[in-house]
């Protein structure tokens, strides 16, 4: 018996999905485990896998189209099965705007970067034709030279909503410290002398140090709920990664229990997967603390918005060469500025200060990171 397949919720924050590619055509047989389609969520592109043998009888959302979760995505069933009653029952109305456009007009609009939402079609049944695109170009030519309009991506929409909610719900405050990095630089150079192994980055060392500092200050590893404060037993660090269309936060689980090499490998692996939109939703969930590092972009210092439901986020600036005082003498050294942004509902200033004190000690006496 035929079955309607609905747009699945592939992440905890997914509201709308976009069909990137159909891997099967109508009438094509599907085996259990086959990939039916690739769907873009607010976080990544994920593969939709068949759960049983069947035939693809109907496609409800075309490639490039977006629809809310639980919209009719496809119908699977037996070969040549009559699905007319099923179509009538579900009415196949996905509550999203369909745009009817000729292939020539579509290509012209794509080449010119024109949003089809702005075009009124004059063809049959409101279909957009080539003349409609050309007319829009002529009317809007001056405006288009000064600005380009780009639709919000699903990722950008979710980021906007979550950051606004975070700022509204949790009272943010920030604490600032400056750390002398010379010993950490020496340690990293020593580790990376082995040419047959992948290089360890400063970020790898900082992520490990941030987890060890949490272990010494367990109140940092917490989340606010309406009824209580949750103190997490596992230290899972989210790593903020900038993508072309937004920010994504892959999670490294139980960082305090892993070696530096293992942490470094996992960060590299998940950053690559995130940038290729191949990361899975479960790799983006469960963080208890977040590290955002803009040092590689030459940023001295900055503050970040807390990644809910974390209670804190650590912002890391660049390493700067500057005069510092050492044993009552002015010498040239290297420092980095760190900012800890906290949710004041959970983390008092003294708790945040103790955390930064522990972090500073670990980074300035970094052999403790290797233990």
Protein backbone atom coordinates (compact mmCIF):
# COMPACT_ATOMS: atom_id res chain seq x y z
CA UNK A 1 0.00 0.00 0.00
CA UNK A 2 1.32 3.42 -0.94
CA UNK A 3 2.65 5.69 1.82
CA UNK A 4 2.99 9.46 1.97
CA UNK A 5 6.47 10.62 2.99
CA UNK A 6 6.46 14.00 4.72
CA UNK A 7 9.26 16.56 5.03
CA UNK A 8 11.15 15.17 8.05
CA UNK A 9 12.41 17.20 11.00
CA UNK A 10 16.13 16.51 10.66
CA UNK A 11 17.32 18.79 13.47
CA UNK A 12 15.91 20.08 16.72
CA UNK A 13 15.54 23.61 15.27
CA UNK A 14 14.41 22.71 11.76
CA UNK A 15 11.23 24.47 10.61
CA UNK A 16 11.67 24.45 6.82
CA UNK A 17 13.57 22.07 4.54
CA UNK A 18 14.84 22.56 0.99
CA UNK A 19 15.16 19.72 -1.51
CA UNK A 20 18.68 20.07 -2.90
CA UNK A 21 18.59 16.99 -5.15
CA UNK A 22 16.34 14.03 -5.90
CA UNK A 23 18.44 10.88 -6.28
CA UNK A 24 15.47 8.90 -7.68
CA UNK A 25 12.98 9.63 -10.46
CA UNK A 26 9.25 8.96 -10.54
CA UNK A 27 8.71 5.33 -11.48
CA UNK A 28 12.18 4.28 -10.34
CA UNK A 29 12.54 1.34 -7.96
CA UNK A 30 14.01 1.97 -4.52
CA UNK A 31 15.78 -0.54 -2.31
CA UNK A 32 15.97 -0.37 1.46
CA UNK A 33 18.93 1.87 2.37
CA UNK A 34 18.94 3.78 -0.93
CA UNK A 35 19.32 7.55 -0.75
CA UNK A 36 16.09 9.09 -2.03
CA UNK A 37 16.92 12.78 -1.76
CA UNK A 38 19.28 15.36 -0.27
CA UNK A 39 17.58 17.85 2.04
CA UNK A 40 19.04 21.10 3.38
CA UNK A 41 18.05 21.91 6.95
CA UNK A 42 18.91 25.02 8.94
CA UNK A 43 22.28 23.42 9.76
CA UNK A 44 23.44 21.07 7.02
CA UNK A 45 22.56 19.00 3.97
CA UNK A 46 21.35 15.54 5.01
CA UNK A 47 20.49 12.42 3.05
CA UNK A 48 16.99 10.91 3.22
CA UNK A 49 17.33 7.13 3.32
CA UNK A 50 14.68 4.59 2.23
CA UNK A 51 13.42 2.33 5.00
CA UNK A 52 11.97 -0.37 2.73
CA UNK A 53 11.78 -1.56 -0.90
CA UNK A 54 9.32 0.45 -2.99
CA UNK A 55 8.79 2.60 -6.09
CA UNK A 56 8.80 6.41 -6.21
CA UNK A 57 5.28 7.30 -7.34
CA UNK A 58 5.04 11.03 -6.68
CA UNK A 59 7.28 14.02 -5.91
CA UNK A 60 5.64 16.79 -3.89
CA UNK A 61 8.56 19.20 -3.56
CA UNK A 62 10.80 19.85 -6.54
CA UNK A 63 14.54 20.43 -6.47
CA UNK A 64 15.32 23.90 -5.17
CA UNK A 65 11.92 24.30 -3.52
CA UNK A 66 11.43 24.76 0.23
CA UNK A 67 8.56 23.59 2.40
CA UNK A 68 7.66 23.40 6.10
CA UNK A 69 8.29 20.27 8.14
CA UNK A 70 5.48 17.70 7.61
CA UNK A 71 4.69 18.92 4.09
CA UNK A 72 4.10 16.18 1.52
CA UNK A 73 7.55 15.29 0.19
CA UNK A 74 6.84 12.14 -1.84
CA UNK A 75 4.67 9.05 -2.16
CA UNK A 76 6.19 5.56 -2.21
CA UNK A 77 4.38 2.36 -3.08
CA UNK A 78 4.17 -0.55 -5.50
CA UNK A 79 4.93 -0.21 -9.19
CA UNK A 80 1.97 1.25 -11.16
CA UNK A 81 -0.12 1.55 -7.98
CA UNK A 82 -3.12 3.90 -8.20
CA UNK A 83 -2.50 6.78 -5.76
CA UNK A 84 -5.32 9.08 -6.88
CA UNK A 85 -7.30 8.61 -3.66
CA UNK A 86 -4.18 9.27 -1.60
CA UNK A 87 -3.49 12.47 -3.54
CA UNK A 88 -7.06 13.60 -3.00
CA UNK A 89 -6.95 12.71 0.70
CA UNK A 90 -3.77 14.74 1.30
CA UNK A 91 -4.82 17.46 -1.20
CA UNK A 92 -1.10 17.93 -1.84
CA UNK A 93 -1.13 21.47 -0.62
CA UNK A 94 2.21 22.09 1.08
CA UNK A 95 1.46 25.65 2.21
CA UNK A 96 4.49 27.10 0.50
CA UNK A 97 4.64 29.41 -2.46
CA UNK A 98 5.07 27.69 -5.79
CA UNK A 99 6.54 29.79 -8.55
CA UNK A 100 5.62 28.89 -12.14
CA UNK A 101 8.25 30.05 -14.61
CA UNK A 102 9.44 29.13 -18.09
CA UNK A 103 12.90 27.50 -18.35
CA UNK A 104 14.25 30.46 -20.36
CA UNK A 105 12.98 32.99 -17.81
CA UNK A 106 14.35 30.91 -14.97
CA UNK A 107 17.83 30.83 -16.52
CA UNK A 108 17.79 34.58 -17.18
CA UNK A 109 16.67 35.31 -13.62
CA UNK A 110 19.38 33.03 -12.21
CA UNK A 111 22.10 34.63 -14.35
CA UNK A 112 21.03 38.13 -13.24
CA UNK A 113 20.56 37.18 -9.57
CA UNK A 114 16.90 38.25 -9.57
CA UNK A 115 14.50 37.18 -6.81
CA UNK A 116 11.46 35.57 -8.40
CA UNK A 117 9.26 36.67 -5.48
CA UNK A 118 9.52 40.18 -6.89
CA UNK A 119 8.27 39.25 -10.38
CA UNK A 120 4.62 39.21 -11.44
CA UNK A 121 4.08 36.72 -14.23
CA UNK A 122 2.04 37.67 -17.28
CA UNK A 123 1.93 34.24 -18.88
CA UNK A 124 -0.87 31.68 -18.66
CA UNK A 125 -2.02 31.19 -15.04
CA UNK A 126 0.46 33.81 -13.88
CA UNK A 127 3.49 31.99 -15.26
CA UNK A 128 6.67 34.08 -15.36
CA UNK A 129 8.03 34.37 -18.90
CA UNK A 130 11.18 35.86 -20.40
CA UNK A 131 9.52 39.25 -21.10
CA UNK A 132 8.63 39.60 -17.39
CA UNK A 133 12.27 39.20 -16.39
CA UNK A 134 13.47 41.61 -19.08
CA UNK A 135 10.86 44.19 -18.02
CA UNK A 136 11.96 43.88 -14.39
CA UNK A 137 15.61 44.36 -15.40
CA UNK A 138 14.74 47.52 -17.36
CA UNK A 139 12.61 49.01 -14.57
CA UNK A 140 14.99 48.19 -11.77
CA UNK A 141 18.31 48.60 -13.55
CA UNK A 142 19.45 51.64 -11.57
CA UNK A 143 18.61 50.04 -8.22
CA UNK A 144 20.32 46.79 -9.13
CA UNK A 145 23.58 48.61 -9.82
CA UNK A 146 23.69 49.93 -6.26
CA UNK A 147 22.52 46.85 -4.38
CA UNK A 148 21.77 43.15 -4.72
CA UNK A 149 19.05 41.38 -2.78
CA UNK A 150 19.70 37.82 -1.60
CA UNK A 151 17.12 35.62 0.09
CA UNK A 152 17.85 34.53 3.65
CA UNK A 153 19.20 30.99 3.84
CA UNK A 154 17.57 28.54 6.27
CA UNK A 155 20.72 28.67 8.39
CA UNK A 156 20.69 32.48 8.52
CA UNK A 157 17.01 32.54 9.56
CA UNK A 158 17.57 30.11 12.43
CA UNK A 159 20.74 31.92 13.57
CA UNK A 160 18.81 35.19 13.69
CA UNK A 161 16.00 33.69 15.74
CA UNK A 162 18.28 31.90 18.20
CA UNK A 163 20.60 34.86 18.79
CA UNK A 164 17.71 37.23 19.38
CA UNK A 165 16.13 34.78 21.82
CA UNK A 166 19.46 34.32 23.62
CA UNK A 167 19.97 38.06 24.01
CA UNK A 168 16.40 38.58 25.23
CA UNK A 169 16.17 35.59 27.58
CA UNK A 170 19.57 35.65 29.27
CA UNK A 171 21.17 38.71 30.89
CA UNK A 172 24.64 38.85 29.33
CA UNK A 173 27.75 40.25 30.95
CA UNK A 174 31.40 39.85 29.97
CA UNK A 175 34.72 39.43 31.76
CA UNK A 176 38.05 40.21 30.12
CA UNK A 177 41.60 38.94 30.69
CA UNK A 178 44.93 39.12 28.88
CA UNK A 179 47.15 36.04 28.89
CA UNK A 180 50.90 35.83 28.22
CA UNK A 181 51.22 33.17 25.49
CA UNK A 182 55.00 32.68 25.20
CA UNK A 183 55.08 29.32 27.01
CA UNK A 184 52.13 28.08 24.98
CA UNK A 185 53.92 29.10 21.77
CA UNK A 186 57.02 27.15 22.87
CA UNK A 187 54.91 24.09 23.72
CA UNK A 188 53.12 24.15 20.36
CA UNK A 189 56.43 24.51 18.47
CA UNK A 190 57.83 21.56 20.42
CA UNK A 191 54.79 19.37 19.67
CA UNK A 192 54.85 20.25 15.97
CA UNK A 193 58.52 19.36 15.52
CA UNK A 194 57.39 15.83 14.63
CA UNK A 195 56.94 16.18 10.89
CA UNK A 196 55.09 12.89 10.43
CA UNK A 197 52.12 14.05 12.53
CA UNK A 198 49.40 16.59 11.82
CA UNK A 199 50.03 20.03 13.26
CA UNK A 200 48.44 21.12 16.51
CA UNK A 201 46.85 24.57 16.40
CA UNK A 202 46.60 27.18 19.14
CA UNK A 203 42.85 26.66 19.02
CA UNK A 204 43.30 22.95 19.82
CA UNK A 205 45.33 23.86 22.91
CA UNK A 206 42.82 26.52 23.97
CA UNK A 207 39.86 24.15 23.59
CA UNK A 208 41.59 21.53 25.75
CA UNK A 209 42.55 24.18 28.32
CA UNK A 210 39.00 25.55 28.40
CA UNK A 211 37.67 22.07 29.23
CA UNK A 212 40.25 21.50 31.98
CA UNK A 213 39.40 24.90 33.46
CA UNK A 214 35.73 23.86 33.50
CA UNK A 215 36.72 20.71 35.37
CA UNK A 216 38.16 22.97 38.08
CA UNK A 217 35.07 25.23 38.01
CA UNK A 218 32.11 22.93 37.45
CA UNK A 219 29.42 25.59 37.89
CA UNK A 220 30.42 26.94 34.48
CA UNK A 221 29.18 23.69 32.90
CA UNK A 222 25.49 24.46 33.39
CA UNK A 223 22.19 25.39 31.75
CA UNK A 224 19.14 27.33 32.88
CA UNK A 225 15.65 25.83 32.80
CA UNK A 226 12.40 27.31 34.08
CA UNK A 227 12.41 24.94 37.06
CA UNK A 228 16.08 24.47 37.86
CA UNK A 229 19.75 24.80 36.94
CA UNK A 230 21.22 21.78 35.16
CA UNK A 231 24.83 20.97 36.04
CA UNK A 232 26.24 18.77 33.29
CA UNK A 233 28.53 15.86 34.10
CA UNK A 234 30.13 15.78 30.64
CA UNK A 235 32.18 18.64 29.21
CA UNK A 236 31.14 19.01 25.57
CA UNK A 237 32.70 21.97 23.79
CA UNK A 238 31.00 23.66 20.83
CA UNK A 239 33.38 25.13 18.24
CA UNK A 240 31.96 28.16 16.41
CA UNK A 241 32.63 27.82 12.67
CA UNK A 242 31.92 30.59 10.15
CA UNK A 243 30.26 29.42 6.92
CA UNK A 244 29.45 31.44 3.83
CA UNK A 245 25.77 31.71 4.79
CA UNK A 246 25.98 31.67 8.57
CA UNK A 247 27.49 30.27 11.75
CA UNK A 248 27.47 26.64 12.81
CA UNK A 249 28.68 25.02 16.04
CA UNK A 250 30.01 21.43 15.79
CA UNK A 251 30.44 19.75 19.17
CA UNK A 252 33.46 17.84 20.54
CA UNK A 253 32.21 15.56 23.30
CA UNK A 254 33.99 14.92 26.63
CA UNK A 255 36.95 17.11 25.73
CA UNK A 256 38.54 16.83 29.17
CA UNK A 257 38.93 13.06 28.72
CA UNK A 258 40.54 13.20 25.26
CA UNK A 259 44.13 13.63 24.17
CA UNK A 260 45.25 16.78 22.39
CA UNK A 261 45.78 14.81 19.16
CA UNK A 262 42.29 13.36 19.33
CA UNK A 263 40.73 16.77 19.96
CA UNK A 264 42.70 18.28 17.07
CA UNK A 265 41.61 15.49 14.69
CA UNK A 266 37.93 15.81 15.63
CA UNK A 267 37.92 19.60 15.26
CA UNK A 268 39.53 19.42 11.79
CA UNK A 269 37.16 16.65 10.71
CA UNK A 270 33.99 18.40 11.86
CA UNK A 271 35.00 21.81 10.50
CA UNK A 272 35.53 20.24 7.04
CA UNK A 273 32.19 18.42 7.25
CA UNK A 274 30.44 21.62 8.36
CA UNK A 275 31.87 23.62 5.46
CA UNK A 276 30.87 20.89 3.00
CA UNK A 277 27.38 20.71 4.61
CA UNK A 278 27.90 17.03 5.33
CA UNK A 279 27.78 17.24 9.11
CA UNK A 280 24.98 15.33 10.84
CA UNK A 281 22.52 16.97 13.21
CA UNK A 282 23.67 14.90 16.21
CA UNK A 283 27.18 16.35 15.74
CA UNK A 284 25.74 19.82 16.37
CA UNK A 285 23.86 19.02 19.57
CA UNK A 286 24.69 18.64 23.24
CA UNK A 287 27.29 21.37 23.81
CA UNK A 288 27.74 22.59 27.40
CA UNK A 289 30.23 25.40 26.62
CA UNK A 290 31.29 27.19 23.43
CA UNK A 291 34.60 28.57 22.14
CA UNK A 292 34.61 31.22 19.41
CA UNK A 293 38.07 32.05 18.04
CA UNK A 294 38.57 35.01 15.67
CA UNK A 295 42.30 35.27 16.30
CA UNK A 296 43.09 33.94 12.84
CA UNK A 297 41.20 36.93 11.40
CA UNK A 298 43.39 39.42 13.23
CA UNK A 299 40.74 40.45 15.80
CA UNK A 300 42.28 41.71 19.07
CA UNK A 301 39.23 41.06 21.26
CA UNK A 302 35.45 40.72 21.00
CA UNK A 303 32.34 39.57 22.83
CA UNK A 304 29.97 36.83 21.68
CA UNK A 305 26.31 36.04 22.21
CA UNK A 306 25.79 32.96 24.36
CA UNK A 307 25.00 29.75 22.46
CA UNK A 308 21.88 28.55 24.27
CA UNK A 309 21.45 26.48 26.37
CA UNK A 310 25.08 27.05 27.45
CA UNK A 311 25.68 29.44 30.33
CA UNK A 312 28.95 30.82 28.90
CA UNK A 313 30.89 31.41 25.69
CA UNK A 314 34.64 32.06 25.45
CA UNK A 315 35.82 34.55 22.81
CA UNK A 316 39.46 34.31 21.72
CA UNK A 317 41.44 37.11 20.07
CA UNK A 318 44.70 37.05 18.14
CA UNK A 319 48.21 36.60 19.53
CA UNK A 320 49.94 40.00 19.62
CA UNK A 321 53.60 40.86 20.16
CA UNK A 322 53.95 43.67 22.70
CA UNK A 323 56.06 44.97 25.62
CA UNK A 324 55.23 43.19 28.90
CA UNK A 325 56.62 43.43 32.42
CA UNK A 326 58.53 40.34 33.56
CA UNK A 327 60.44 40.32 36.87
CA UNK A 328 60.27 44.12 37.04
CA UNK A 329 61.75 44.38 33.52
CA UNK A 330 60.09 45.36 30.27
CA UNK A 331 60.50 42.60 27.67
CA UNK A 332 58.90 41.75 24.34
CA UNK A 333 56.32 38.99 24.70
CA UNK A 334 53.12 37.64 23.17
CA UNK A 335 49.65 38.05 24.63
CA UNK A 336 46.06 37.14 23.77
CA UNK A 337 42.85 38.70 25.06
CA UNK A 338 40.07 36.38 26.20
CA UNK A 339 36.45 37.34 26.89
CA UNK A 340 34.07 35.17 28.90
CA UNK A 341 30.44 36.12 28.30
CA UNK A 342 28.12 34.70 30.97
CA UNK A 343 24.43 34.25 31.69
CA UNK A 344 23.99 36.21 34.94
CA UNK A 345 21.02 34.05 35.94
CA UNK A 346 23.45 31.19 36.54
CA UNK A 347 27.02 32.49 36.61
CA UNK A 348 27.93 35.19 39.12
CA UNK A 349 30.95 37.40 38.52
CA UNK A 350 33.08 35.58 41.09
CA UNK A 351 32.40 32.21 39.43
CA UNK A 352 33.30 33.55 35.99
CA UNK A 353 36.43 35.21 37.40
CA UNK A 354 37.58 31.96 39.02
CA UNK A 355 37.14 30.18 35.69
CA UNK A 356 39.27 32.73 33.85
CA UNK A 357 41.91 32.51 36.57
CA UNK A 358 42.13 28.75 36.04
CA UNK A 359 42.23 29.16 32.25
CA UNK A 360 44.99 31.76 32.49
CA UNK A 361 47.09 29.49 34.71
CA UNK A 362 46.70 26.56 32.30
CA UNK A 363 47.68 28.63 29.27
CA UNK A 364 50.67 30.28 30.98
CA UNK A 365 51.84 26.94 32.46
CA UNK A 366 50.73 24.79 29.54
CA UNK A 367 52.46 21.54 30.46
CA UNK A 368 49.40 20.98 32.63
CA UNK A 369 47.33 20.79 29.43
CA UNK A 370 49.29 17.71 28.34
CA UNK A 371 48.63 15.77 31.55
